[in-house]
Amino acid sequence: MMNNVIVVASGKGGTGKSTVCICLSVALVKQGKKVLLIDSDSGMRGLDIMLDIEQDILFDASDAVCGNCSFGEAVYKSRHNDNLYLMAAPFDAENELSPSVFRQLVNSVKNNFDYVIIDSPAGIGSGFVTAAAPAGRALIVANAEPTSVRGGVKVRKKLEAASIGDIRLVINRFDKRMFKKLGFYRDLDAVIDASQTQLIAVVPFSIDISVIMQRGAAGIEFNSSLAAFDRLAKRIDGQRVPLVLN
């Protein structure tokens, strides 16, 4: 079986990385998979809000490893998506887990799920190192603009240094009209070349997706742009689905 632990990272904030985590997880669940989503952005967690379970969270990952609760008690079921579960990040940044402890935590639960999706903090700091520690695969989320792409290259080098070989690029919030107007790159191939990472998905820009996330309505409200995540989920699962370049 292919490695089922995937870290989702970005070189800078604002790429829509957490939205990619949520939408990919929902798409995998729609395909019959059981998914654990782990928020590893200590002190800045937000996936609980996006899944509409903010009020449910009593324990987080740090509670599980400190013995304040069992591992199972730190895992919360999504309100709107059967077979989607969340482990929240520590509410306080000082409770950030070490890479070795986080690896042990993920290894202890990963066999109970088809996929474990880890939402890494943006950048390549200590939180990123922890998030990447248990992963065997990685998605780098970038926008089609130079600072985001350059940050993605730095992330890729760190992932390779951590011996993660299966690394793919998600170009998120792509707006063809704006892309041409800005003129940073000749075409999408130039973005891919600059990122030094094989493309797995292009997700079109949609303000509606952002609205759905902030409402905590992932999985119950539909937007046509979400079809890109259905294709991404199939490709993640090893299915031969053609890329659709918007």
C-alpha atoms as a PDB file:
ATOM      1  CA  MET A   1       0.000   0.000   0.000  1.00  0.00           C
ATOM      2  CA  MET A   2       1.231   3.481  -0.812  1.00  0.00           C
ATOM      3  CA  ASN A   3       2.120   5.672   2.138  1.00  0.00           C
ATOM      4  CA  ASN A   4      -1.111   7.108   3.526  1.00  0.00           C
ATOM      5  CA  VAL A   5       0.347  10.010   5.543  1.00  0.00           C
ATOM      6  CA  ILE A   6       0.434  13.238   3.512  1.00  0.00           C
ATOM      7  CA  VAL A   7       1.735  16.598   4.710  1.00  0.00           C
ATOM      8  CA  VAL A   8       0.310  19.682   2.995  1.00  0.00           C
ATOM      9  CA  ALA A   9       2.751  22.599   3.097  1.00  0.00           C
ATOM     10  CA  SER A  10       3.341  26.057   1.625  1.00  0.00           C
ATOM     11  CA  GLY A  11       6.263  28.437   1.551  1.00  0.00           C
ATOM     12  CA  LYS A  12       4.206  31.418   2.624  1.00  0.00           C
ATOM     13  CA  GLY A  13       0.853  32.176   4.176  1.00  0.00           C
ATOM     14  CA  GLY A  14      -2.231  33.025   2.161  1.00  0.00           C
ATOM     15  CA  THR A  15      -1.992  30.298  -0.471  1.00  0.00           C
ATOM     16  CA  GLY A  16      -5.194  28.588   0.691  1.00  0.00           C
ATOM     17  CA  LYS A  17      -3.326  25.579   2.086  1.00  0.00           C
ATOM     18  CA  SER A  18      -5.830  24.838   4.863  1.00  0.00           C
ATOM     19  CA  THR A  19      -8.702  25.071   2.383  1.00  0.00           C
ATOM     20  CA  VAL A  20      -6.892  22.538   0.185  1.00  0.00           C
ATOM     21  CA  CYS A  21      -6.567  20.235   3.212  1.00  0.00           C
ATOM     22  CA  ILE A  22     -10.276  20.452   3.989  1.00  0.00           C
ATOM     23  CA  CYS A  23     -11.505  20.125   0.396  1.00  0.00           C
ATOM     24  CA  LEU A  24      -9.142  17.240  -0.389  1.00  0.00           C
ATOM     25  CA  SER A  25     -10.241  15.430   2.767  1.00  0.00           C
ATOM     26  CA  VAL A  26     -13.932  15.890   1.919  1.00  0.00           C
ATOM     27  CA  ALA A  27     -13.286  14.655  -1.633  1.00  0.00           C
ATOM     28  CA  LEU A  28     -11.498  11.544  -0.343  1.00  0.00           C
ATOM     29  CA  VAL A  29     -14.406  10.826   2.006  1.00  0.00           C
ATOM     30  CA  LYS A  30     -16.839  11.152  -0.917  1.00  0.00           C
ATOM     31  CA  GLN A  31     -14.811   8.409  -2.610  1.00  0.00           C
ATOM     32  CA  GLY A  32     -15.356   6.084   0.328  1.00  0.00           C
ATOM     33  CA  LYS A  33     -12.162   6.767   2.265  1.00  0.00           C
ATOM     34  CA  LYS A  34     -11.818   7.232   6.017  1.00  0.00           C
ATOM     35  CA  VAL A  35      -9.688  10.320   6.653  1.00  0.00           C
ATOM     36  CA  LEU A  36      -7.984  11.836   9.685  1.00  0.00           C
ATOM     37  CA  LEU A  37      -7.136  15.509   9.272  1.00  0.00           C
ATOM     38  CA  ILE A  38      -4.471  16.768  11.694  1.00  0.00           C
ATOM     39  CA  ASP A  39      -4.037  20.492  12.304  1.00  0.00           C
ATOM     40  CA  SER A  40      -0.395  21.035  13.251  1.00  0.00           C
ATOM     41  CA  ASP A  41      -0.418  24.834  13.257  1.00  0.00           C
ATOM     42  CA  SER A  42       0.055  25.252  17.017  1.00  0.00           C
ATOM     43  CA  GLY A  43      -1.380  28.500  18.339  1.00  0.00           C
ATOM     44  CA  MET A  44      -3.073  29.317  15.030  1.00  0.00           C
ATOM     45  CA  ARG A  45      -5.422  26.390  14.523  1.00  0.00           C
ATOM     46  CA  GLY A  46      -8.416  26.948  12.291  1.00  0.00           C
ATOM     47  CA  LEU A  47      -9.553  23.649  10.819  1.00  0.00           C
ATOM     48  CA  ASP A  48     -12.040  23.176  13.664  1.00  0.00           C
ATOM     49  CA  ILE A  49     -13.808  26.380  12.585  1.00  0.00           C
ATOM     50  CA  MET A  50     -13.773  25.342   8.925  1.00  0.00           C
ATOM     51  CA  LEU A  51     -15.355  21.999   9.855  1.00  0.00           C
ATOM     52  CA  ASP A  52     -17.916  23.615  12.193  1.00  0.00           C
ATOM     53  CA  ILE A  53     -16.712  21.696  15.261  1.00  0.00           C
ATOM     54  CA  GLU A  54     -15.027  24.533  17.146  1.00  0.00           C
ATOM     55  CA  GLN A  55     -17.367  24.104  20.111  1.00  0.00           C
ATOM     56  CA  ASP A  56     -16.699  20.357  20.275  1.00  0.00           C
ATOM     57  CA  ILE A  57     -12.953  20.561  20.876  1.00  0.00           C
ATOM     58  CA  LEU A  58     -11.978  19.707  24.442  1.00  0.00           C
ATOM     59  CA  PHE A  59      -8.646  18.005  23.804  1.00  0.00           C
ATOM     60  CA  ASP A  60      -5.907  18.507  21.216  1.00  0.00           C
ATOM     61  CA  ALA A  61      -2.804  16.650  20.066  1.00  0.00           C
ATOM     62  CA  SER A  62      -0.709  17.854  23.019  1.00  0.00           C
ATOM     63  CA  ASP A  63      -3.337  16.531  25.463  1.00  0.00           C
ATOM     64  CA  ALA A  64      -3.128  13.120  23.806  1.00  0.00           C
ATOM     65  CA  VAL A  65       0.649  12.818  24.162  1.00  0.00           C
ATOM     66  CA  CYS A  66       0.707  14.297  27.676  1.00  0.00           C
ATOM     67  CA  GLY A  67      -1.817  11.774  28.952  1.00  0.00           C
ATOM     68  CA  ASN A  68      -4.610  14.282  29.581  1.00  0.00           C
ATOM     69  CA  CYS A  69      -6.825  12.153  27.363  1.00  0.00           C
ATOM     70  CA  SER A  70      -6.670   9.055  25.198  1.00  0.00           C
ATOM     71  CA  PHE A  71      -5.729   9.363  21.525  1.00  0.00           C
ATOM     72  CA  GLY A  72      -9.333   8.584  20.634  1.00  0.00           C
ATOM     73  CA  GLU A  73     -10.649  11.403  22.814  1.00  0.00           C
ATOM     74  CA  ALA A  74      -8.502  13.897  20.866  1.00  0.00           C
ATOM     75  CA  VAL A  75     -10.106  12.873  17.561  1.00  0.00           C
ATOM     76  CA  TYR A  76     -13.370  14.579  16.611  1.00  0.00           C
ATOM     77  CA  LYS A  77     -15.852  13.588  13.927  1.00  0.00           C
ATOM     78  CA  SER A  78     -16.887  16.160  11.326  1.00  0.00           C
ATOM     79  CA  ARG A  79     -20.497  17.258  11.718  1.00  0.00           C
ATOM     80  CA  HIS A  80     -21.247  17.160   7.991  1.00  0.00           C
ATOM     81  CA  ASN A  81     -18.956  14.438   6.633  1.00  0.00           C
ATOM     82  CA  ASP A  82     -19.126  10.803   7.700  1.00  0.00           C
ATOM     83  CA  ASN A  83     -15.661   9.221   7.911  1.00  0.00           C
ATOM     84  CA  LEU A  84     -13.865  12.575   8.269  1.00  0.00           C
ATOM     85  CA  TYR A  85     -12.146  13.188  11.590  1.00  0.00           C
ATOM     86  CA  LEU A  86     -10.027  15.995  13.020  1.00  0.00           C
ATOM     87  CA  MET A  87      -7.255  16.162  15.589  1.00  0.00           C
ATOM     88  CA  ALA A  88      -6.811  19.807  16.553  1.00  0.00           C
ATOM     89  CA  ALA A  89      -3.512  21.605  17.009  1.00  0.00           C
ATOM     90  CA  PRO A  90      -2.536  22.809  20.480  1.00  0.00           C
ATOM     91  CA  PHE A  91      -4.299  26.081  21.222  1.00  0.00           C
ATOM     92  CA  ASP A  92      -1.087  27.558  22.634  1.00  0.00           C
ATOM     93  CA  ALA A  93       2.065  27.727  20.525  1.00  0.00           C
ATOM     94  CA  GLU A  94       4.275  26.720  23.475  1.00  0.00           C
ATOM     95  CA  ASN A  95       2.608  23.291  23.419  1.00  0.00           C
ATOM     96  CA  GLU A  96       3.943  22.531  19.928  1.00  0.00           C
ATOM     97  CA  LEU A  97       5.008  18.910  19.666  1.00  0.00           C
ATOM     98  CA  SER A  98       8.524  17.797  18.811  1.00  0.00           C
ATOM     99  CA  PRO A  99       9.065  15.936  15.516  1.00  0.00           C
ATOM    100  CA  SER A 100       9.781  12.622  17.273  1.00  0.00           C
ATOM    101  CA  VAL A 101       6.698  12.832  19.506  1.00  0.00           C
ATOM    102  CA  PHE A 102       4.461  13.845  16.596  1.00  0.00           C
ATOM    103  CA  ARG A 103       5.807  10.953  14.515  1.00  0.00           C
ATOM    104  CA  GLN A 104       4.944   8.530  17.309  1.00  0.00           C
ATOM    105  CA  LEU A 105       1.472  10.027  17.628  1.00  0.00           C
ATOM    106  CA  VAL A 106       0.704   9.697  13.905  1.00  0.00           C
ATOM    107  CA  ASN A 107       2.189   6.203  13.695  1.00  0.00           C
ATOM    108  CA  SER A 108      -0.088   5.118  16.539  1.00  0.00           C
ATOM    109  CA  VAL A 109      -3.277   6.134  14.707  1.00  0.00           C
ATOM    110  CA  LYS A 110      -2.554   5.968  10.970  1.00  0.00           C
ATOM    111  CA  ASN A 111      -3.559   2.328  10.535  1.00  0.00           C
ATOM    112  CA  ASN A 112      -7.107   3.220  11.594  1.00  0.00           C
ATOM    113  CA  PHE A 113      -7.549   5.465   8.551  1.00  0.00           C
ATOM    114  CA  ASP A 114      -7.176   5.254   4.788  1.00  0.00           C
ATOM    115  CA  TYR A 115      -5.464   8.651   4.776  1.00  0.00           C
ATOM    116  CA  VAL A 116      -3.933  11.003   7.315  1.00  0.00           C
ATOM    117  CA  ILE A 117      -3.735  14.577   5.995  1.00  0.00           C
ATOM    118  CA  ILE A 118      -1.459  16.922   7.990  1.00  0.00           C
ATOM    119  CA  ASP A 119      -1.968  20.673   7.664  1.00  0.00           C
ATOM    120  CA  SER A 120       1.483  22.177   8.183  1.00  0.00           C
ATOM    121  CA  PRO A 121       2.106  25.753   9.321  1.00  0.00           C
ATOM    122  CA  ALA A 122       3.194  27.984   6.425  1.00  0.00           C
ATOM    123  CA  GLY A 123       6.941  28.394   5.955  1.00  0.00           C
ATOM    124  CA  ILE A 124       9.826  26.157   6.979  1.00  0.00           C
ATOM    125  CA  GLY A 125      10.053  26.777  10.723  1.00  0.00           C
ATOM    126  CA  SER A 126       9.917  24.308  13.593  1.00  0.00           C
ATOM    127  CA  GLY A 127       6.193  23.661  13.125  1.00  0.00           C
ATOM    128  CA  PHE A 128       6.799  22.617   9.529  1.00  0.00           C
ATOM    129  CA  VAL A 129       9.598  20.261  10.593  1.00  0.00           C
ATOM    130  CA  THR A 130       7.242  18.628  13.096  1.00  0.00           C
ATOM    131  CA  ALA A 131       4.393  18.350  10.584  1.00  0.00           C
ATOM    132  CA  ALA A 132       6.617  16.703   7.975  1.00  0.00           C
ATOM    133  CA  ALA A 133       8.217  14.205  10.363  1.00  0.00           C
ATOM    134  CA  PRO A 134       5.690  11.339   9.994  1.00  0.00           C
ATOM    135  CA  ALA A 135       4.820  11.958   6.339  1.00  0.00           C
ATOM    136  CA  GLY A 136       5.718   9.768   3.406  1.00  0.00           C
ATOM    137  CA  ARG A 137       4.150  12.038   0.801  1.00  0.00           C
ATOM    138  CA  ALA A 138       3.748  15.798   0.420  1.00  0.00           C
ATOM    139  CA  LEU A 139       1.678  18.378  -1.402  1.00  0.00           C
ATOM    140  CA  ILE A 140       3.089  21.866  -1.860  1.00  0.00           C
ATOM    141  CA  VAL A 141       0.365  24.477  -2.257  1.00  0.00           C
ATOM    142  CA  ALA A 142       1.372  27.591  -4.191  1.00  0.00           C
ATOM    143  CA  ASN A 143      -0.254  30.419  -6.079  1.00  0.00           C
ATOM    144  CA  ALA A 144       0.937  31.315  -9.578  1.00  0.00           C
ATOM    145  CA  GLU A 145       3.072  34.260  -8.471  1.00  0.00           C
ATOM    146  CA  PRO A 146       6.832  34.499  -7.836  1.00  0.00           C
ATOM    147  CA  THR A 147       7.017  34.842  -4.033  1.00  0.00           C
ATOM    148  CA  SER A 148       4.697  31.892  -3.528  1.00  0.00           C
ATOM    149  CA  VAL A 149       6.568  29.734  -6.046  1.00  0.00           C
ATOM    150  CA  ARG A 150       9.953  30.629  -4.548  1.00  0.00           C
ATOM    151  CA  GLY A 151       8.668  29.716  -1.090  1.00  0.00           C
ATOM    152  CA  GLY A 152       7.476  26.411  -2.492  1.00  0.00           C
ATOM    153  CA  VAL A 153      10.962  25.638  -3.790  1.00  0.00           C
ATOM    154  CA  LYS A 154      12.367  26.172  -0.286  1.00  0.00           C
ATOM    155  CA  VAL A 155       9.716  23.837   1.116  1.00  0.00           C
ATOM    156  CA  ARG A 156      10.583  21.202  -1.476  1.00  0.00           C
ATOM    157  CA  LYS A 157      14.268  21.275  -0.522  1.00  0.00           C
ATOM    158  CA  LYS A 158      13.368  20.813   3.148  1.00  0.00           C
ATOM    159  CA  LEU A 159      11.031  17.942   2.322  1.00  0.00           C
ATOM    160  CA  GLU A 160      13.713  16.241   0.258  1.00  0.00           C
ATOM    161  CA  ALA A 161      16.171  16.691   3.119  1.00  0.00           C
ATOM    162  CA  ALA A 162      13.632  14.897   5.311  1.00  0.00           C
ATOM    163  CA  SER A 163      13.701  11.980   2.828  1.00  0.00           C
ATOM    164  CA  ILE A 164      10.197  12.592   1.473  1.00  0.00           C
ATOM    165  CA  GLY A 165      10.451  11.633  -2.172  1.00  0.00           C
ATOM    166  CA  ASP A 166       6.824  11.769  -3.320  1.00  0.00           C
ATOM    167  CA  ILE A 167       6.243  15.536  -3.603  1.00  0.00           C
ATOM    168  CA  ARG A 168       3.609  17.124  -5.826  1.00  0.00           C
ATOM    169  CA  LEU A 169       2.499  20.683  -6.599  1.00  0.00           C
ATOM    170  CA  VAL A 170      -1.021  22.083  -6.236  1.00  0.00           C
ATOM    171  CA  ILE A 171      -1.478  25.441  -7.972  1.00  0.00           C
ATOM    172  CA  ASN A 172      -4.319  26.973  -5.981  1.00  0.00           C
ATOM    173  CA  ARG A 173      -6.610  29.950  -6.591  1.00  0.00           C
ATOM    174  CA  PHE A 174      -5.713  30.091 -10.272  1.00  0.00           C
ATOM    175  CA  ASP A 175      -7.405  32.858 -12.234  1.00  0.00           C
ATOM    176  CA  LYS A 176      -6.495  32.695 -15.930  1.00  0.00           C
ATOM    177  CA  ARG A 177      -7.492  36.293 -16.624  1.00  0.00           C
ATOM    178  CA  MET A 178      -5.496  37.701 -13.719  1.00  0.00           C
ATOM    179  CA  PHE A 179      -2.571  35.389 -14.535  1.00  0.00           C
ATOM    180  CA  LYS A 180      -2.317  36.811 -18.041  1.00  0.00           C
ATOM    181  CA  LYS A 181      -2.785  40.380 -16.836  1.00  0.00           C
ATOM    182  CA  LEU A 182      -0.001  40.143 -14.248  1.00  0.00           C
ATOM    183  CA  GLY A 183       2.367  38.509 -16.735  1.00  0.00           C
ATOM    184  CA  PHE A 184       4.704  36.999 -14.164  1.00  0.00           C
ATOM    185  CA  TYR A 185       4.983  33.789 -16.173  1.00  0.00           C
ATOM    186  CA  ARG A 186       4.584  32.891 -19.846  1.00  0.00           C
ATOM    187  CA  ASP A 187       2.173  30.060 -19.065  1.00  0.00           C
ATOM    188  CA  LEU A 188       1.432  27.386 -16.472  1.00  0.00           C
ATOM    189  CA  ASP A 189       4.331  25.269 -17.695  1.00  0.00           C
ATOM    190  CA  ALA A 190       6.648  28.112 -16.700  1.00  0.00           C
ATOM    191  CA  VAL A 191       5.148  28.104 -13.196  1.00  0.00           C
ATOM    192  CA  ILE A 192       5.689  24.359 -12.932  1.00  0.00           C
ATOM    193  CA  ASP A 193       9.282  24.669 -14.152  1.00  0.00           C
ATOM    194  CA  ALA A 194       9.999  27.438 -11.623  1.00  0.00           C
ATOM    195  CA  SER A 195       8.508  25.371  -8.800  1.00  0.00           C
ATOM    196  CA  GLN A 196      10.773  22.399  -9.643  1.00  0.00           C
ATOM    197  CA  THR A 197       7.872  20.137  -8.632  1.00  0.00           C
ATOM    198  CA  GLN A 198       5.592  17.836 -10.613  1.00  0.00           C
ATOM    199  CA  LEU A 199       2.045  19.179 -10.911  1.00  0.00           C
ATOM    200  CA  ILE A 200      -0.868  17.176  -9.528  1.00  0.00           C
ATOM    201  CA  ALA A 201      -3.714  19.734  -9.599  1.00  0.00           C
ATOM    202  CA  VAL A 202      -4.785  23.218 -10.645  1.00  0.00           C
ATOM    203  CA  VAL A 203      -7.592  24.636  -8.521  1.00  0.00           C
ATOM    204  CA  PRO A 204      -9.420  27.649  -9.989  1.00  0.00           C
ATOM    205  CA  PHE A 205     -10.006  30.727  -7.883  1.00  0.00           C
ATOM    206  CA  SER A 206     -13.448  30.901  -6.312  1.00  0.00           C
ATOM    207  CA  ILE A 207     -14.555  33.339  -3.645  1.00  0.00           C
ATOM    208  CA  ASP A 208     -17.425  30.941  -2.949  1.00  0.00           C
ATOM    209  CA  ILE A 209     -15.002  28.302  -1.662  1.00  0.00           C
ATOM    210  CA  SER A 210     -13.623  30.784   0.872  1.00  0.00           C
ATOM    211  CA  VAL A 211     -17.171  31.584   1.980  1.00  0.00           C
ATOM    212  CA  ILE A 212     -18.004  27.883   2.337  1.00  0.00           C
ATOM    213  CA  MET A 213     -14.906  27.353   4.499  1.00  0.00           C
ATOM    214  CA  GLN A 214     -15.615  30.262   6.820  1.00  0.00           C
ATOM    215  CA  ARG A 215     -19.215  29.097   7.239  1.00  0.00           C
ATOM    216  CA  GLY A 216     -17.977  25.699   8.340  1.00  0.00           C
ATOM    217  CA  ALA A 217     -20.023  24.252   5.503  1.00  0.00           C
ATOM    218  CA  ALA A 218     -17.416  22.011   3.863  1.00  0.00           C
ATOM    219  CA  GLY A 219     -19.183  18.993   2.441  1.00  0.00           C
ATOM    220  CA  ILE A 220     -22.708  20.431   2.529  1.00  0.00           C
ATOM    221  CA  GLU A 221     -22.412  23.359   0.139  1.00  0.00           C
ATOM    222  CA  PHE A 222     -21.201  22.739  -3.410  1.00  0.00           C
ATOM    223  CA  ASN A 223     -19.238  24.903  -5.809  1.00  0.00           C
ATOM    224  CA  SER A 224     -18.132  23.940  -9.310  1.00  0.00           C
ATOM    225  CA  SER A 225     -14.504  24.666  -8.394  1.00  0.00           C
ATOM    226  CA  LEU A 226     -14.691  21.797  -5.912  1.00  0.00           C
ATOM    227  CA  ALA A 227     -14.613  19.399  -8.875  1.00  0.00           C
ATOM    228  CA  ALA A 228     -10.860  20.066  -9.027  1.00  0.00           C
ATOM    229  CA  PHE A 229     -10.547  18.478  -5.584  1.00  0.00           C
ATOM    230  CA  ASP A 230     -12.455  15.391  -6.715  1.00  0.00           C
ATOM    231  CA  ARG A 231      -9.843  14.941  -9.454  1.00  0.00           C
ATOM    232  CA  LEU A 232      -7.028  15.618  -6.983  1.00  0.00           C
ATOM    233  CA  ALA A 233      -8.392  13.010  -4.584  1.00  0.00           C
ATOM    234  CA  LYS A 234      -8.525  10.406  -7.344  1.00  0.00           C
ATOM    235  CA  ARG A 235      -4.957  11.168  -8.397  1.00  0.00           C
ATOM    236  CA  ILE A 236      -3.818  10.973  -4.767  1.00  0.00           C
ATOM    237  CA  ASP A 237      -5.474   7.561  -4.594  1.00  0.00           C
ATOM    238  CA  GLY A 238      -3.532   6.353  -7.626  1.00  0.00           C
ATOM    239  CA  GLN A 239      -6.327   6.612 -10.195  1.00  0.00           C
ATOM    240  CA  ARG A 240      -5.489   7.732 -13.719  1.00  0.00           C
ATOM    241  CA  VAL A 241      -7.368  10.993 -14.043  1.00  0.00           C
ATOM    242  CA  PRO A 242      -6.248  13.605 -16.568  1.00  0.00           C
ATOM    243  CA  LEU A 243      -5.090  16.998 -15.387  1.00  0.00           C
ATOM    244  CA  VAL A 244      -7.474  19.810 -16.257  1.00  0.00           C
ATOM    245  CA  LEU A 245      -5.562  23.047 -16.759  1.00  0.00           C
ATOM    246  CA  ASN A 246      -8.004  25.908 -16.329  1.00  0.00           C
END
